[in-house]
Amino acid sequence: MFIDLKTRRTNPGDIGNMNMYLNYFANEENSETESLPVGIVLRT
């Protein structure tokens, strides 16, 4: 699970970055038996 905590307004680039991190992790770090990673972008 990835959590990105923002102190400013979220923009589409933030979502794109999270998607990039999730895709990388799913393809390079996860084993075949693990479920796909989950990402959450929070704004304070």
PDB file of N, CA and C in Angstrom:
ATOM      1  N   MET A   1       0.855  -1.172   0.000  1.00  0.00           N
ATOM      2  CA  MET A   1       0.000   0.000   0.000  1.00  0.00           C
ATOM      3  C   MET A   1       0.897   1.229   0.000  1.00  0.00           C
ATOM      4  N   PHE A   2       0.547   2.187  -0.835  1.00  0.00           N
ATOM      5  CA  PHE A   2       1.250   3.464  -0.915  1.00  0.00           C
ATOM      6  C   PHE A   2       0.299   4.565  -0.489  1.00  0.00           C
ATOM      7  N   ILE A   3       0.784   5.468   0.349  1.00  0.00           N
ATOM      8  CA  ILE A   3      -0.003   6.629   0.777  1.00  0.00           C
ATOM      9  C   ILE A   3       0.806   7.881   0.461  1.00  0.00           C
ATOM     10  N   ASP A   4       0.186   8.813  -0.240  1.00  0.00           N
ATOM     11  CA  ASP A   4       0.812  10.083  -0.592  1.00  0.00           C
ATOM     12  C   ASP A   4       0.017  11.182   0.097  1.00  0.00           C
ATOM     13  N   LEU A   5       0.625  11.835   1.072  1.00  0.00           N
ATOM     14  CA  LEU A   5      -0.048  12.881   1.836  1.00  0.00           C
ATOM     15  C   LEU A   5       0.327  14.241   1.258  1.00  0.00           C
ATOM     16  N   LYS A   6      -0.664  15.000   0.820  1.00  0.00           N
ATOM     17  CA  LYS A   6      -0.447  16.305   0.202  1.00  0.00           C
ATOM     18  C   LYS A   6      -0.872  17.413   1.154  1.00  0.00           C
ATOM     19  N   THR A   7      -0.108  18.501   1.167  1.00  0.00           N
ATOM     20  CA  THR A   7      -0.477  19.667   1.969  1.00  0.00           C
ATOM     21  C   THR A   7      -1.038  20.774   1.082  1.00  0.00           C
ATOM     22  N   ARG A   8      -1.182  20.478  -0.194  1.00  0.00           N
ATOM     23  CA  ARG A   8      -1.745  21.425  -1.157  1.00  0.00           C
ATOM     24  C   ARG A   8      -2.847  20.721  -1.950  1.00  0.00           C
ATOM     25  N   ARG A   9      -3.486  21.452  -2.806  1.00  0.00           N
ATOM     26  CA  ARG A   9      -4.535  20.875  -3.645  1.00  0.00           C
ATOM     27  C   ARG A   9      -3.941  19.800  -4.564  1.00  0.00           C
ATOM     28  N   THR A  10      -4.626  18.697  -4.683  1.00  0.00           N
ATOM     29  CA  THR A  10      -4.184  17.601  -5.534  1.00  0.00           C
ATOM     30  C   THR A  10      -4.402  17.966  -6.995  1.00  0.00           C
ATOM     31  N   ASN A  11      -3.457  17.585  -7.856  1.00  0.00           N
ATOM     32  CA  ASN A  11      -3.616  17.855  -9.282  1.00  0.00           C
ATOM     33  C   ASN A  11      -3.476  16.541 -10.063  1.00  0.00           C
ATOM     34  N   PRO A  12      -3.819  16.539 -11.347  1.00  0.00           N
ATOM     35  CA  PRO A  12      -3.749  15.306 -12.136  1.00  0.00           C
ATOM     36  C   PRO A  12      -2.354  14.679 -12.165  1.00  0.00           C
ATOM     37  N   GLY A  13      -1.315  15.490 -12.066  1.00  0.00           N
ATOM     38  CA  GLY A  13       0.042  14.943 -12.029  1.00  0.00           C
ATOM     39  C   GLY A  13       0.290  14.082 -10.810  1.00  0.00           C
ATOM     40  N   ASP A  14      -0.321  14.414  -9.686  1.00  0.00           N
ATOM     41  CA  ASP A  14      -0.184  13.609  -8.469  1.00  0.00           C
ATOM     42  C   ASP A  14      -0.773  12.215  -8.677  1.00  0.00           C
ATOM     43  N   ILE A  15      -1.916  12.182  -9.340  1.00  0.00           N
ATOM     44  CA  ILE A  15      -2.567  10.896  -9.610  1.00  0.00           C
ATOM     45  C   ILE A  15      -1.718  10.088 -10.599  1.00  0.00           C
ATOM     46  N   GLY A  16      -1.166  10.774 -11.599  1.00  0.00           N
ATOM     47  CA  GLY A  16      -0.290  10.101 -12.564  1.00  0.00           C
ATOM     48  C   GLY A  16       0.946   9.523 -11.909  1.00  0.00           C
ATOM     49  N   ASN A  17       1.536  10.266 -10.984  1.00  0.00           N
ATOM     50  CA  ASN A  17       2.707   9.756 -10.259  1.00  0.00           C
ATOM     51  C   ASN A  17       2.352   8.522  -9.440  1.00  0.00           C
ATOM     52  N   MET A  18       1.218   8.570  -8.747  1.00  0.00           N
ATOM     53  CA  MET A  18       0.795   7.407  -7.957  1.00  0.00           C
ATOM     54  C   MET A  18       0.601   6.203  -8.871  1.00  0.00           C
ATOM     55  N   ASN A  19      -0.015   6.413 -10.024  1.00  0.00           N
ATOM     56  CA  ASN A  19      -0.227   5.325 -10.977  1.00  0.00           C
ATOM     57  C   ASN A  19       1.112   4.750 -11.446  1.00  0.00           C
ATOM     58  N   MET A  20       2.091   5.613 -11.691  1.00  0.00           N
ATOM     59  CA  MET A  20       3.419   5.160 -12.108  1.00  0.00           C
ATOM     60  C   MET A  20       4.057   4.305 -11.010  1.00  0.00           C
ATOM     61  N   TYR A  21       3.974   4.750  -9.754  1.00  0.00           N
ATOM     62  CA  TYR A  21       4.537   3.983  -8.640  1.00  0.00           C
ATOM     63  C   TYR A  21       3.870   2.612  -8.518  1.00  0.00           C
ATOM     64  N   LEU A  22       2.540   2.594  -8.640  1.00  0.00           N
ATOM     65  CA  LEU A  22       1.805   1.339  -8.511  1.00  0.00           C
ATOM     66  C   LEU A  22       2.156   0.368  -9.634  1.00  0.00           C
ATOM     67  N   ASN A  23       2.243   0.872 -10.860  1.00  0.00           N
ATOM     68  CA  ASN A  23       2.597   0.008 -11.991  1.00  0.00           C
ATOM     69  C   ASN A  23       4.003  -0.545 -11.853  1.00  0.00           C
ATOM     70  N   TYR A  24       4.942   0.303 -11.445  1.00  0.00           N
ATOM     71  CA  TYR A  24       6.310  -0.170 -11.245  1.00  0.00           C
ATOM     72  C   TYR A  24       6.347  -1.270 -10.196  1.00  0.00           C
ATOM     73  N   PHE A  25       5.715  -1.008  -9.059  1.00  0.00           N
ATOM     74  CA  PHE A  25       5.745  -1.981  -7.969  1.00  0.00           C
ATOM     75  C   PHE A  25       5.091  -3.298  -8.384  1.00  0.00           C
ATOM     76  N   ALA A  26       3.948  -3.202  -9.093  1.00  0.00           N
ATOM     77  CA  ALA A  26       3.240  -4.408  -9.533  1.00  0.00           C
ATOM     78  C   ALA A  26       4.101  -5.237 -10.487  1.00  0.00           C
ATOM     79  N   ASN A  27       4.848  -4.564 -11.360  1.00  0.00           N
ATOM     80  CA  ASN A  27       5.645  -5.280 -12.370  1.00  0.00           C
ATOM     81  C   ASN A  27       7.008  -5.724 -11.872  1.00  0.00           C
ATOM     82  N   GLU A  28       7.619  -4.964 -10.984  1.00  0.00           N
ATOM     83  CA  GLU A  28       9.013  -5.230 -10.603  1.00  0.00           C
ATOM     84  C   GLU A  28       9.196  -5.823  -9.210  1.00  0.00           C
ATOM     85  N   GLU A  29       8.303  -5.534  -8.288  1.00  0.00           N
ATOM     86  CA  GLU A  29       8.521  -5.920  -6.901  1.00  0.00           C
ATOM     87  C   GLU A  29       7.591  -7.026  -6.402  1.00  0.00           C
ATOM     88  N   ASN A  30       6.361  -7.061  -6.904  1.00  0.00           N
ATOM     89  CA  ASN A  30       5.383  -8.052  -6.448  1.00  0.00           C
ATOM     90  C   ASN A  30       5.740  -9.439  -6.955  1.00  0.00           C
ATOM     91  N   SER A  31       5.497 -10.436  -6.132  1.00  0.00           N
ATOM     92  CA  SER A  31       5.614 -11.814  -6.604  1.00  0.00           C
ATOM     93  C   SER A  31       4.267 -12.222  -7.197  1.00  0.00           C
ATOM     94  N   GLU A  32       4.235 -13.338  -7.883  1.00  0.00           N
ATOM     95  CA  GLU A  32       3.011 -13.783  -8.550  1.00  0.00           C
ATOM     96  C   GLU A  32       1.888 -14.109  -7.574  1.00  0.00           C
ATOM     97  N   THR A  33       2.232 -14.413  -6.329  1.00  0.00           N
ATOM     98  CA  THR A  33       1.219 -14.801  -5.351  1.00  0.00           C
ATOM     99  C   THR A  33       0.651 -13.614  -4.577  1.00  0.00           C
ATOM    100  N   GLU A  34       1.260 -12.436  -4.704  1.00  0.00           N
ATOM    101  CA  GLU A  34       0.794 -11.253  -3.988  1.00  0.00           C
ATOM    102  C   GLU A  34      -0.286 -10.529  -4.785  1.00  0.00           C
ATOM    103  N   SER A  35      -1.165  -9.868  -4.070  1.00  0.00           N
ATOM    104  CA  SER A  35      -2.199  -9.074  -4.736  1.00  0.00           C
ATOM    105  C   SER A  35      -1.594  -7.759  -5.223  1.00  0.00           C
ATOM    106  N   LEU A  36      -2.322  -7.081  -6.105  1.00  0.00           N
ATOM    107  CA  LEU A  36      -1.845  -5.811  -6.655  1.00  0.00           C
ATOM    108  C   LEU A  36      -1.772  -4.747  -5.565  1.00  0.00           C
ATOM    109  N   PRO A  37      -0.819  -3.826  -5.672  1.00  0.00           N
ATOM    110  CA  PRO A  37      -0.701  -2.761  -4.675  1.00  0.00           C
ATOM    111  C   PRO A  37      -1.861  -1.770  -4.773  1.00  0.00           C
ATOM    112  N   VAL A  38      -2.111  -1.077  -3.676  1.00  0.00           N
ATOM    113  CA  VAL A  38      -3.160  -0.085  -3.587  1.00  0.00           C
ATOM    114  C   VAL A  38      -2.516   1.261  -3.253  1.00  0.00           C
ATOM    115  N   GLY A  39      -3.002   2.323  -3.881  1.00  0.00           N
ATOM    116  CA  GLY A  39      -2.476   3.659  -3.619  1.00  0.00           C
ATOM    117  C   GLY A  39      -3.571   4.604  -3.166  1.00  0.00           C
ATOM    118  N   ILE A  40      -3.231   5.460  -2.209  1.00  0.00           N
ATOM    119  CA  ILE A  40      -4.177   6.441  -1.681  1.00  0.00           C
ATOM    120  C   ILE A  40      -3.488   7.806  -1.683  1.00  0.00           C
ATOM    121  N   VAL A  41      -4.147   8.802  -2.262  1.00  0.00           N
ATOM    122  CA  VAL A  41      -3.645  10.170  -2.230  1.00  0.00           C
ATOM    123  C   VAL A  41      -4.569  10.957  -1.304  1.00  0.00           C
ATOM    124  N   LEU A  42      -4.014  11.486  -0.208  1.00  0.00           N
ATOM    125  CA  LEU A  42      -4.774  12.235   0.778  1.00  0.00           C
ATOM    126  C   LEU A  42      -4.339  13.686   0.783  1.00  0.00           C
ATOM    127  N   ARG A  43      -5.283  14.558   1.004  1.00  0.00           N
ATOM    128  CA  ARG A  43      -4.998  15.981   1.138  1.00  0.00           C
ATOM    129  C   ARG A  43      -5.376  16.418   2.545  1.00  0.00           C
ATOM    130  N   THR A  44      -4.467  17.100   3.216  1.00  0.00           N
ATOM    131  CA  THR A  44      -4.757  17.563   4.580  1.00  0.00           C
ATOM    132  C   THR A  44      -5.455  18.883   4.577  1.00  0.00           C
TER     133      THR A  44
END
